């Protein structure tokens, strides 16, 4: 099994996040580190601080040397796909080819209402997401892109310079919607990330993903399956390991350890030592 970390940008400081990522960069067991793409906290005091994900990602790419970096996951509703493609190419260059490009349709009504960002009905949102993913892939991989979509129109559009990783950084699509999200994973993703309540629930979603892969002619072995495992404050490392083992036995490839608020770098080594026998 493979391992990664995630730090939540809510209720924390830049220095705390930076120090944890730099420490994880020195522990080979952790292959990637992730944040999220929100503007308000998701837990606790919703009026509290929450650092912006992509500007953090660029700085964290510069602060690290080995670990892969990603935003889990970028809400397509927040930025025009052409703008996002340019952001992704730039961060991939800054990181010297370590970007994991996390994409999702978006869902946070509270943020959208506060900022005046349109949150379309679910069907339209996923129609826009599908067009957006295709636009990002084309812009990152092609010299010019012309797209006549229902929602996105590009005319001989360029994204230069291109990312280091060709044809584009690996795409992670996050979510567990059985009809649209998992079909999008089958069509375009190199990684599927989910937050599930149990390994049993995850197995059911994986079966749906396999069906979509068969339908579109995709080899499911090309898709890394990852889940988030919450590490609570004052956690019992044995309980964390037990959760990881259960997901490993269900068929998960990558366990992303969702660290608690205000995590210190010294949380990482004991965690890595406990997880290492599973790798």
C-alpha atoms as a PDB file:
ATOM      1  CA  UNK A   1       0.000   0.000   0.000  1.00  0.00           C
ATOM      2  CA  UNK A   2       1.071   3.604  -0.592  1.00  0.00           C
ATOM      3  CA  UNK A   3       0.735   6.593   1.727  1.00  0.00           C
ATOM      4  CA  UNK A   4       0.266  10.353   1.661  1.00  0.00           C
ATOM      5  CA  UNK A   5      -0.721  13.174   4.013  1.00  0.00           C
ATOM      6  CA  UNK A   6      -3.334  15.903   3.906  1.00  0.00           C
ATOM      7  CA  UNK A   7      -3.382  19.118   5.894  1.00  0.00           C
ATOM      8  CA  UNK A   8      -6.582  21.127   6.138  1.00  0.00           C
ATOM      9  CA  UNK A   9      -5.994  24.864   5.514  1.00  0.00           C
ATOM     10  CA  UNK A  10      -8.727  25.833   8.004  1.00  0.00           C
ATOM     11  CA  UNK A  11      -8.018  27.156  11.504  1.00  0.00           C
ATOM     12  CA  UNK A  12      -4.263  26.964  10.987  1.00  0.00           C
ATOM     13  CA  UNK A  13      -1.268  29.083  10.053  1.00  0.00           C
ATOM     14  CA  UNK A  14       0.972  29.067   7.020  1.00  0.00           C
ATOM     15  CA  UNK A  15       3.971  28.199   9.191  1.00  0.00           C
ATOM     16  CA  UNK A  16       2.233  25.141  10.661  1.00  0.00           C
ATOM     17  CA  UNK A  17       1.325  23.761   7.247  1.00  0.00           C
ATOM     18  CA  UNK A  18       4.723  24.544   5.750  1.00  0.00           C
ATOM     19  CA  UNK A  19       6.598  22.833   8.572  1.00  0.00           C
ATOM     20  CA  UNK A  20       4.519  19.645   8.321  1.00  0.00           C
ATOM     21  CA  UNK A  21       4.961  19.432   4.545  1.00  0.00           C
ATOM     22  CA  UNK A  22       8.703  19.994   4.820  1.00  0.00           C
ATOM     23  CA  UNK A  23       8.914  17.225   7.433  1.00  0.00           C
ATOM     24  CA  UNK A  24       6.855  14.861   5.260  1.00  0.00           C
ATOM     25  CA  UNK A  25       9.204  15.636   2.386  1.00  0.00           C
ATOM     26  CA  UNK A  26      11.976  13.972   4.399  1.00  0.00           C
ATOM     27  CA  UNK A  27       9.990  10.739   5.010  1.00  0.00           C
ATOM     28  CA  UNK A  28      10.061   8.525   1.936  1.00  0.00           C
ATOM     29  CA  UNK A  29       6.932   6.598   2.955  1.00  0.00           C
ATOM     30  CA  UNK A  30       4.754   9.630   2.171  1.00  0.00           C
ATOM     31  CA  UNK A  31       4.584  10.014  -1.592  1.00  0.00           C
ATOM     32  CA  UNK A  32       2.323  13.059  -1.778  1.00  0.00           C
ATOM     33  CA  UNK A  33       0.851  15.872   0.305  1.00  0.00           C
ATOM     34  CA  UNK A  34      -2.532  17.527  -0.213  1.00  0.00           C
ATOM     35  CA  UNK A  35      -4.558  20.528   0.888  1.00  0.00           C
ATOM     36  CA  UNK A  36      -8.084  21.566  -0.158  1.00  0.00           C
ATOM     37  CA  UNK A  37      -9.782  24.209  -2.302  1.00  0.00           C
ATOM     38  CA  UNK A  38     -12.153  26.150  -0.065  1.00  0.00           C
ATOM     39  CA  UNK A  39     -12.389  29.756   1.088  1.00  0.00           C
ATOM     40  CA  UNK A  40     -14.256  29.154   4.344  1.00  0.00           C
ATOM     41  CA  UNK A  41     -13.579  26.516   7.005  1.00  0.00           C
ATOM     42  CA  UNK A  42     -15.639  23.345   6.749  1.00  0.00           C
ATOM     43  CA  UNK A  43     -15.624  22.570  10.485  1.00  0.00           C
ATOM     44  CA  UNK A  44     -15.807  24.534  13.697  1.00  0.00           C
ATOM     45  CA  UNK A  45     -16.206  28.299  13.448  1.00  0.00           C
ATOM     46  CA  UNK A  46     -17.170  28.931   9.818  1.00  0.00           C
ATOM     47  CA  UNK A  47     -16.110  32.568  10.185  1.00  0.00           C
ATOM     48  CA  UNK A  48     -12.571  31.483  11.055  1.00  0.00           C
ATOM     49  CA  UNK A  49      -9.468  31.521   8.856  1.00  0.00           C
ATOM     50  CA  UNK A  50      -8.903  29.300   5.839  1.00  0.00           C
ATOM     51  CA  UNK A  51      -5.849  29.678   3.623  1.00  0.00           C
ATOM     52  CA  UNK A  52      -6.336  29.628  -0.162  1.00  0.00           C
ATOM     53  CA  UNK A  53      -5.268  26.301  -1.635  1.00  0.00           C
ATOM     54  CA  UNK A  54      -3.523  27.037  -4.930  1.00  0.00           C
ATOM     55  CA  UNK A  55      -1.365  29.947  -3.791  1.00  0.00           C
ATOM     56  CA  UNK A  56      -0.321  27.727  -0.884  1.00  0.00           C
ATOM     57  CA  UNK A  57       0.437  24.921  -3.312  1.00  0.00           C
ATOM     58  CA  UNK A  58       2.876  27.031  -5.301  1.00  0.00           C
ATOM     59  CA  UNK A  59       4.701  28.068  -2.129  1.00  0.00           C
ATOM     60  CA  UNK A  60       4.715  24.516  -0.762  1.00  0.00           C
ATOM     61  CA  UNK A  61       6.129  23.231  -4.046  1.00  0.00           C
ATOM     62  CA  UNK A  62       9.009  25.646  -3.604  1.00  0.00           C
ATOM     63  CA  UNK A  63       9.474  24.665   0.067  1.00  0.00           C
ATOM     64  CA  UNK A  64       9.788  20.929  -0.734  1.00  0.00           C
ATOM     65  CA  UNK A  65      12.010  18.905  -3.061  1.00  0.00           C
ATOM     66  CA  UNK A  66      10.623  15.352  -3.399  1.00  0.00           C
ATOM     67  CA  UNK A  67       7.049  14.915  -2.275  1.00  0.00           C
ATOM     68  CA  UNK A  68       4.279  15.291  -4.848  1.00  0.00           C
ATOM     69  CA  UNK A  69       1.808  18.120  -4.219  1.00  0.00           C
ATOM     70  CA  UNK A  70      -1.904  18.414  -4.870  1.00  0.00           C
ATOM     71  CA  UNK A  71      -5.159  20.159  -4.017  1.00  0.00           C
ATOM     72  CA  UNK A  72      -7.902  17.729  -3.014  1.00  0.00           C
ATOM     73  CA  UNK A  73      -9.812  18.733  -4.987  1.00  0.00           C
ATOM     74  CA  UNK A  74     -10.126  21.923  -7.039  1.00  0.00           C
ATOM     75  CA  UNK A  75     -13.704  23.122  -7.411  1.00  0.00           C
ATOM     76  CA  UNK A  76     -14.315  23.660 -11.138  1.00  0.00           C
ATOM     77  CA  UNK A  77     -16.961  26.276 -10.343  1.00  0.00           C
ATOM     78  CA  UNK A  78     -14.410  28.639  -8.794  1.00  0.00           C
ATOM     79  CA  UNK A  79     -12.186  29.329 -11.823  1.00  0.00           C
ATOM     80  CA  UNK A  80     -12.497  29.301 -15.579  1.00  0.00           C
ATOM     81  CA  UNK A  81     -10.870  26.065 -16.811  1.00  0.00           C
ATOM     82  CA  UNK A  82      -8.404  28.002 -18.964  1.00  0.00           C
ATOM     83  CA  UNK A  83      -7.243  29.955 -15.908  1.00  0.00           C
ATOM     84  CA  UNK A  84      -6.952  26.708 -13.943  1.00  0.00           C
ATOM     85  CA  UNK A  85      -4.908  25.088 -16.722  1.00  0.00           C
ATOM     86  CA  UNK A  86      -2.411  27.954 -16.596  1.00  0.00           C
ATOM     87  CA  UNK A  87      -2.232  27.692 -12.811  1.00  0.00           C
ATOM     88  CA  UNK A  88      -1.600  23.944 -13.014  1.00  0.00           C
ATOM     89  CA  UNK A  89       1.116  24.299 -15.632  1.00  0.00           C
ATOM     90  CA  UNK A  90       2.865  26.943 -13.537  1.00  0.00           C
ATOM     91  CA  UNK A  91       2.764  24.911 -10.317  1.00  0.00           C
ATOM     92  CA  UNK A  92       4.022  21.850 -12.177  1.00  0.00           C
ATOM     93  CA  UNK A  93       6.963  23.894 -13.420  1.00  0.00           C
ATOM     94  CA  UNK A  94       7.665  25.350  -9.962  1.00  0.00           C
ATOM     95  CA  UNK A  95       7.587  21.838  -8.468  1.00  0.00           C
ATOM     96  CA  UNK A  96       9.729  20.414 -11.302  1.00  0.00           C
ATOM     97  CA  UNK A  97       7.022  17.947 -12.271  1.00  0.00           C
ATOM     98  CA  UNK A  98       5.479  17.010  -8.910  1.00  0.00           C
ATOM     99  CA  UNK A  99       1.911  18.275  -9.318  1.00  0.00           C
ATOM    100  CA  UNK A 100      -1.103  16.020  -8.825  1.00  0.00           C
ATOM    101  CA  UNK A 101      -4.025  17.850 -10.448  1.00  0.00           C
ATOM    102  CA  UNK A 102      -7.098  17.343  -8.271  1.00  0.00           C
ATOM    103  CA  UNK A 103     -10.450  18.212  -9.873  1.00  0.00           C
ATOM    104  CA  UNK A 104     -14.048  18.164  -8.659  1.00  0.00           C
ATOM    105  CA  UNK A 105     -17.364  19.679  -9.660  1.00  0.00           C
ATOM    106  CA  UNK A 106     -17.710  21.814  -6.510  1.00  0.00           C
ATOM    107  CA  UNK A 107     -20.499  21.760  -3.940  1.00  0.00           C
ATOM    108  CA  UNK A 108     -20.177  24.396  -1.203  1.00  0.00           C
ATOM    109  CA  UNK A 109     -23.361  26.460  -1.234  1.00  0.00           C
ATOM    110  CA  UNK A 110     -22.252  28.620   1.701  1.00  0.00           C
ATOM    111  CA  UNK A 111     -19.108  29.843  -0.043  1.00  0.00           C
ATOM    112  CA  UNK A 112     -20.891  30.397  -3.327  1.00  0.00           C
ATOM    113  CA  UNK A 113     -23.661  32.426  -1.705  1.00  0.00           C
ATOM    114  CA  UNK A 114     -21.161  34.552   0.208  1.00  0.00           C
ATOM    115  CA  UNK A 115     -19.006  35.298  -2.840  1.00  0.00           C
ATOM    116  CA  UNK A 116     -21.727  35.546  -5.457  1.00  0.00           C
ATOM    117  CA  UNK A 117     -20.409  32.503  -7.327  1.00  0.00           C
ATOM    118  CA  UNK A 118     -23.083  30.629  -9.225  1.00  0.00           C
ATOM    119  CA  UNK A 119     -23.604  27.050  -8.030  1.00  0.00           C
ATOM    120  CA  UNK A 120     -25.659  25.483 -10.811  1.00  0.00           C
ATOM    121  CA  UNK A 121     -28.088  22.612 -10.277  1.00  0.00           C
ATOM    122  CA  UNK A 122     -26.399  19.245 -10.037  1.00  0.00           C
ATOM    123  CA  UNK A 123     -26.879  18.127 -13.638  1.00  0.00           C
ATOM    124  CA  UNK A 124     -25.622  21.375 -15.104  1.00  0.00           C
ATOM    125  CA  UNK A 125     -22.749  21.433 -12.633  1.00  0.00           C
ATOM    126  CA  UNK A 126     -21.529  18.062 -13.876  1.00  0.00           C
ATOM    127  CA  UNK A 127     -22.058  19.043 -17.498  1.00  0.00           C
ATOM    128  CA  UNK A 128     -19.829  22.034 -16.829  1.00  0.00           C
ATOM    129  CA  UNK A 129     -17.340  19.810 -15.004  1.00  0.00           C
ATOM    130  CA  UNK A 130     -17.092  17.380 -17.916  1.00  0.00           C
ATOM    131  CA  UNK A 131     -16.439  20.217 -20.347  1.00  0.00           C
ATOM    132  CA  UNK A 132     -13.975  21.788 -17.919  1.00  0.00           C
ATOM    133  CA  UNK A 133     -11.904  18.632 -17.501  1.00  0.00           C
ATOM    134  CA  UNK A 134     -11.689  18.209 -21.267  1.00  0.00           C
ATOM    135  CA  UNK A 135     -10.673  21.859 -21.669  1.00  0.00           C
ATOM    136  CA  UNK A 136      -7.930  21.590 -19.038  1.00  0.00           C
ATOM    137  CA  UNK A 137      -6.536  18.391 -20.580  1.00  0.00           C
ATOM    138  CA  UNK A 138      -6.526  19.903 -24.063  1.00  0.00           C
ATOM    139  CA  UNK A 139      -4.901  23.171 -22.978  1.00  0.00           C
ATOM    140  CA  UNK A 140      -2.148  21.375 -21.069  1.00  0.00           C
ATOM    141  CA  UNK A 141      -1.424  18.930 -23.864  1.00  0.00           C
ATOM    142  CA  UNK A 142      -2.078  20.679 -27.170  1.00  0.00           C
ATOM    143  CA  UNK A 143      -0.393  23.656 -28.805  1.00  0.00           C
ATOM    144  CA  UNK A 144      -3.756  25.332 -29.382  1.00  0.00           C
ATOM    145  CA  UNK A 145      -7.256  24.363 -28.347  1.00  0.00           C
ATOM    146  CA  UNK A 146     -10.581  25.200 -29.934  1.00  0.00           C
ATOM    147  CA  UNK A 147     -13.627  24.022 -28.034  1.00  0.00           C
ATOM    148  CA  UNK A 148     -17.264  24.753 -28.834  1.00  0.00           C
ATOM    149  CA  UNK A 149     -18.977  23.478 -25.715  1.00  0.00           C
ATOM    150  CA  UNK A 150     -22.316  24.443 -24.290  1.00  0.00           C
ATOM    151  CA  UNK A 151     -20.621  26.289 -21.430  1.00  0.00           C
ATOM    152  CA  UNK A 152     -16.959  26.612 -22.417  1.00  0.00           C
ATOM    153  CA  UNK A 153     -15.706  28.108 -25.654  1.00  0.00           C
ATOM    154  CA  UNK A 154     -12.033  28.293 -26.539  1.00  0.00           C
ATOM    155  CA  UNK A 155     -10.670  29.690 -29.808  1.00  0.00           C
ATOM    156  CA  UNK A 156      -7.128  28.675 -30.718  1.00  0.00           C
ATOM    157  CA  UNK A 157      -6.374  29.031 -27.027  1.00  0.00           C
ATOM    158  CA  UNK A 158      -2.831  28.577 -25.753  1.00  0.00           C
ATOM    159  CA  UNK A 159      -1.436  27.582 -22.379  1.00  0.00           C
ATOM    160  CA  UNK A 160       2.272  28.319 -22.326  1.00  0.00           C
ATOM    161  CA  UNK A 161       4.639  27.251 -20.996  1.00  0.00           C
ATOM    162  CA  UNK A 162       3.517  23.661 -20.873  1.00  0.00           C
ATOM    163  CA  UNK A 163       3.797  21.588 -17.676  1.00  0.00           C
ATOM    164  CA  UNK A 164       6.849  19.434 -17.061  1.00  0.00           C
ATOM    165  CA  UNK A 165       4.720  16.280 -16.939  1.00  0.00           C
ATOM    166  CA  UNK A 166       3.464  15.279 -20.349  1.00  0.00           C
ATOM    167  CA  UNK A 167       0.871  15.193 -21.707  1.00  0.00           C
ATOM    168  CA  UNK A 168      -0.361  16.673 -18.430  1.00  0.00           C
ATOM    169  CA  UNK A 169       0.032  16.198 -14.663  1.00  0.00           C
ATOM    170  CA  UNK A 170      -1.881  13.157 -13.356  1.00  0.00           C
ATOM    171  CA  UNK A 171      -5.517  13.999 -12.751  1.00  0.00           C
ATOM    172  CA  UNK A 172      -7.257  13.059  -9.520  1.00  0.00           C
ATOM    173  CA  UNK A 173     -11.042  13.259  -9.576  1.00  0.00           C
ATOM    174  CA  UNK A 174     -12.615  13.315  -6.137  1.00  0.00           C
ATOM    175  CA  UNK A 175     -16.087  12.208  -5.135  1.00  0.00           C
ATOM    176  CA  UNK A 176     -18.397   9.249  -4.916  1.00  0.00           C
ATOM    177  CA  UNK A 177     -21.341  10.082  -7.150  1.00  0.00           C
ATOM    178  CA  UNK A 178     -22.098   6.799  -8.907  1.00  0.00           C
ATOM    179  CA  UNK A 179     -23.490   8.189 -12.167  1.00  0.00           C
ATOM    180  CA  UNK A 180     -21.440  11.237 -13.107  1.00  0.00           C
ATOM    181  CA  UNK A 181     -18.360  11.383 -10.866  1.00  0.00           C
ATOM    182  CA  UNK A 182     -17.303   7.765 -11.286  1.00  0.00           C
ATOM    183  CA  UNK A 183     -17.941   7.896 -15.012  1.00  0.00           C
ATOM    184  CA  UNK A 184     -15.691  10.969 -15.230  1.00  0.00           C
ATOM    185  CA  UNK A 185     -13.033   9.021 -13.319  1.00  0.00           C
ATOM    186  CA  UNK A 186     -13.270   6.194 -15.851  1.00  0.00           C
ATOM    187  CA  UNK A 187     -12.948   8.627 -18.745  1.00  0.00           C
ATOM    188  CA  UNK A 188     -10.177  10.950 -17.612  1.00  0.00           C
ATOM    189  CA  UNK A 189      -8.593  10.314 -14.205  1.00  0.00           C
ATOM    190  CA  UNK A 190      -5.327   8.729 -13.184  1.00  0.00           C
ATOM    191  CA  UNK A 191      -6.496   8.683  -9.563  1.00  0.00           C
ATOM    192  CA  UNK A 192      -9.896   8.423  -7.891  1.00  0.00           C
ATOM    193  CA  UNK A 193     -10.165   9.843  -4.380  1.00  0.00           C
ATOM    194  CA  UNK A 194     -13.082   9.214  -2.071  1.00  0.00           C
ATOM    195  CA  UNK A 195     -14.098   9.867   1.508  1.00  0.00           C
ATOM    196  CA  UNK A 196     -16.245   6.945   2.594  1.00  0.00           C
ATOM    197  CA  UNK A 197     -17.827   5.800   5.811  1.00  0.00           C
ATOM    198  CA  UNK A 198     -16.500   2.245   5.625  1.00  0.00           C
ATOM    199  CA  UNK A 199     -14.520  -0.175   3.464  1.00  0.00           C
ATOM    200  CA  UNK A 200     -17.822  -1.876   2.612  1.00  0.00           C
ATOM    201  CA  UNK A 201     -19.205   1.345   1.162  1.00  0.00           C
ATOM    202  CA  UNK A 202     -15.956   1.809  -0.769  1.00  0.00           C
ATOM    203  CA  UNK A 203     -16.202  -1.676  -2.289  1.00  0.00           C
ATOM    204  CA  UNK A 204     -19.619  -0.865  -3.677  1.00  0.00           C
ATOM    205  CA  UNK A 205     -18.345   2.329  -5.262  1.00  0.00           C
ATOM    206  CA  UNK A 206     -15.368   0.486  -6.738  1.00  0.00           C
ATOM    207  CA  UNK A 207     -17.720  -2.005  -8.389  1.00  0.00           C
ATOM    208  CA  UNK A 208     -19.561   0.916  -9.967  1.00  0.00           C
ATOM    209  CA  UNK A 209     -16.259   2.370 -11.174  1.00  0.00           C
ATOM    210  CA  UNK A 210     -15.316  -0.972 -12.716  1.00  0.00           C
ATOM    211  CA  UNK A 211     -18.627  -1.020 -14.574  1.00  0.00           C
ATOM    212  CA  UNK A 212     -17.984   2.471 -15.963  1.00  0.00           C
ATOM    213  CA  UNK A 213     -14.463   1.443 -17.010  1.00  0.00           C
ATOM    214  CA  UNK A 214     -15.877  -1.542 -18.886  1.00  0.00           C
ATOM    215  CA  UNK A 215     -18.457   0.698 -20.539  1.00  0.00           C
ATOM    216  CA  UNK A 216     -15.894   3.231 -21.842  1.00  0.00           C
ATOM    217  CA  UNK A 217     -13.139   0.705 -22.569  1.00  0.00           C
ATOM    218  CA  UNK A 218     -10.753   1.875 -19.846  1.00  0.00           C
ATOM    219  CA  UNK A 219      -8.298  -0.413 -18.049  1.00  0.00           C
ATOM    220  CA  UNK A 220      -9.126   0.091 -14.321  1.00  0.00           C
ATOM    221  CA  UNK A 221      -5.542  -0.816 -13.492  1.00  0.00           C
ATOM    222  CA  UNK A 222      -4.577   2.612 -14.829  1.00  0.00           C
ATOM    223  CA  UNK A 223      -6.493   4.326 -12.007  1.00  0.00           C
ATOM    224  CA  UNK A 224      -5.019   4.652  -8.514  1.00  0.00           C
ATOM    225  CA  UNK A 225      -7.748   4.340  -5.877  1.00  0.00           C
ATOM    226  CA  UNK A 226      -7.187   6.509  -2.801  1.00  0.00           C
ATOM    227  CA  UNK A 227      -9.142   7.157   0.379  1.00  0.00           C
ATOM    228  CA  UNK A 228      -8.748   9.633   3.205  1.00  0.00           C
ATOM    229  CA  UNK A 229      -8.171   8.276   6.695  1.00  0.00           C
ATOM    230  CA  UNK A 230      -8.824  10.792   9.474  1.00  0.00           C
ATOM    231  CA  UNK A 231      -6.135  11.082  12.147  1.00  0.00           C
ATOM    232  CA  UNK A 232      -7.826  12.593  15.186  1.00  0.00           C
ATOM    233  CA  UNK A 233      -6.117  14.700  17.871  1.00  0.00           C
ATOM    234  CA  UNK A 234      -4.575  12.415  20.483  1.00  0.00           C
ATOM    235  CA  UNK A 235      -5.065   9.500  18.092  1.00  0.00           C
ATOM    236  CA  UNK A 236      -4.293   5.898  18.892  1.00  0.00           C
ATOM    237  CA  UNK A 237      -1.876   4.881  16.148  1.00  0.00           C
ATOM    238  CA  UNK A 238      -3.081   1.284  16.335  1.00  0.00           C
ATOM    239  CA  UNK A 239      -6.640   2.357  15.531  1.00  0.00           C
ATOM    240  CA  UNK A 240      -5.351   4.320  12.539  1.00  0.00           C
ATOM    241  CA  UNK A 241      -3.438   1.279  11.331  1.00  0.00           C
ATOM    242  CA  UNK A 242      -6.531  -0.895  11.733  1.00  0.00           C
ATOM    243  CA  UNK A 243      -8.514   1.478   9.494  1.00  0.00           C
ATOM    244  CA  UNK A 244      -5.771   1.432   6.880  1.00  0.00           C
ATOM    245  CA  UNK A 245      -5.580  -2.369   6.937  1.00  0.00           C
ATOM    246  CA  UNK A 246      -9.330  -2.611   6.371  1.00  0.00           C
ATOM    247  CA  UNK A 247      -9.123  -0.347   3.329  1.00  0.00           C
ATOM    248  CA  UNK A 248      -6.062  -2.161   2.027  1.00  0.00           C
ATOM    249  CA  UNK A 249      -7.904  -5.457   2.265  1.00  0.00           C
ATOM    250  CA  UNK A 250     -10.820  -3.884   0.374  1.00  0.00           C
ATOM    251  CA  UNK A 251      -8.456  -3.022  -2.481  1.00  0.00           C
ATOM    252  CA  UNK A 252      -7.459   0.608  -1.862  1.00  0.00           C
ATOM    253  CA  UNK A 253      -4.071   1.568  -3.330  1.00  0.00           C
ATOM    254  CA  UNK A 254      -3.277   4.819  -1.520  1.00  0.00           C
ATOM    255  CA  UNK A 255      -4.194   5.904   2.022  1.00  0.00           C
ATOM    256  CA  UNK A 256      -4.088   9.658   2.574  1.00  0.00           C
ATOM    257  CA  UNK A 257      -3.657  10.494   6.232  1.00  0.00           C
ATOM    258  CA  UNK A 258      -5.878  13.483   7.001  1.00  0.00           C
ATOM    259  CA  UNK A 259      -3.963  15.180   9.804  1.00  0.00           C
ATOM    260  CA  UNK A 260      -5.587  17.085  12.688  1.00  0.00           C
ATOM    261  CA  UNK A 261      -5.593  20.832  13.048  1.00  0.00           C
ATOM    262  CA  UNK A 262      -2.336  22.337  14.305  1.00  0.00           C
ATOM    263  CA  UNK A 263      -0.459  19.095  13.600  1.00  0.00           C
ATOM    264  CA  UNK A 264       3.233  19.336  14.401  1.00  0.00           C
ATOM    265  CA  UNK A 265       6.001  17.717  12.367  1.00  0.00           C
ATOM    266  CA  UNK A 266       6.652  15.216  15.150  1.00  0.00           C
ATOM    267  CA  UNK A 267       3.309  13.506  14.396  1.00  0.00           C
ATOM    268  CA  UNK A 268       4.716  12.108  11.170  1.00  0.00           C
ATOM    269  CA  UNK A 269       7.567   9.787  12.102  1.00  0.00           C
ATOM    270  CA  UNK A 270       5.617   7.594  14.561  1.00  0.00           C
ATOM    271  CA  UNK A 271       2.796   7.418  12.024  1.00  0.00           C
ATOM    272  CA  UNK A 272       5.200   6.425   9.250  1.00  0.00           C
ATOM    273  CA  UNK A 273       6.853   3.773  11.414  1.00  0.00           C
ATOM    274  CA  UNK A 274       3.467   2.224  12.221  1.00  0.00           C
ATOM    275  CA  UNK A 275       2.356   2.244   8.576  1.00  0.00           C
ATOM    276  CA  UNK A 276       5.626   1.101   7.018  1.00  0.00           C
ATOM    277  CA  UNK A 277       4.955  -2.664   7.416  1.00  0.00           C
ATOM    278  CA  UNK A 278       1.853  -2.220   5.214  1.00  0.00           C
ATOM    279  CA  UNK A 279       3.747  -0.634   2.339  1.00  0.00           C
END
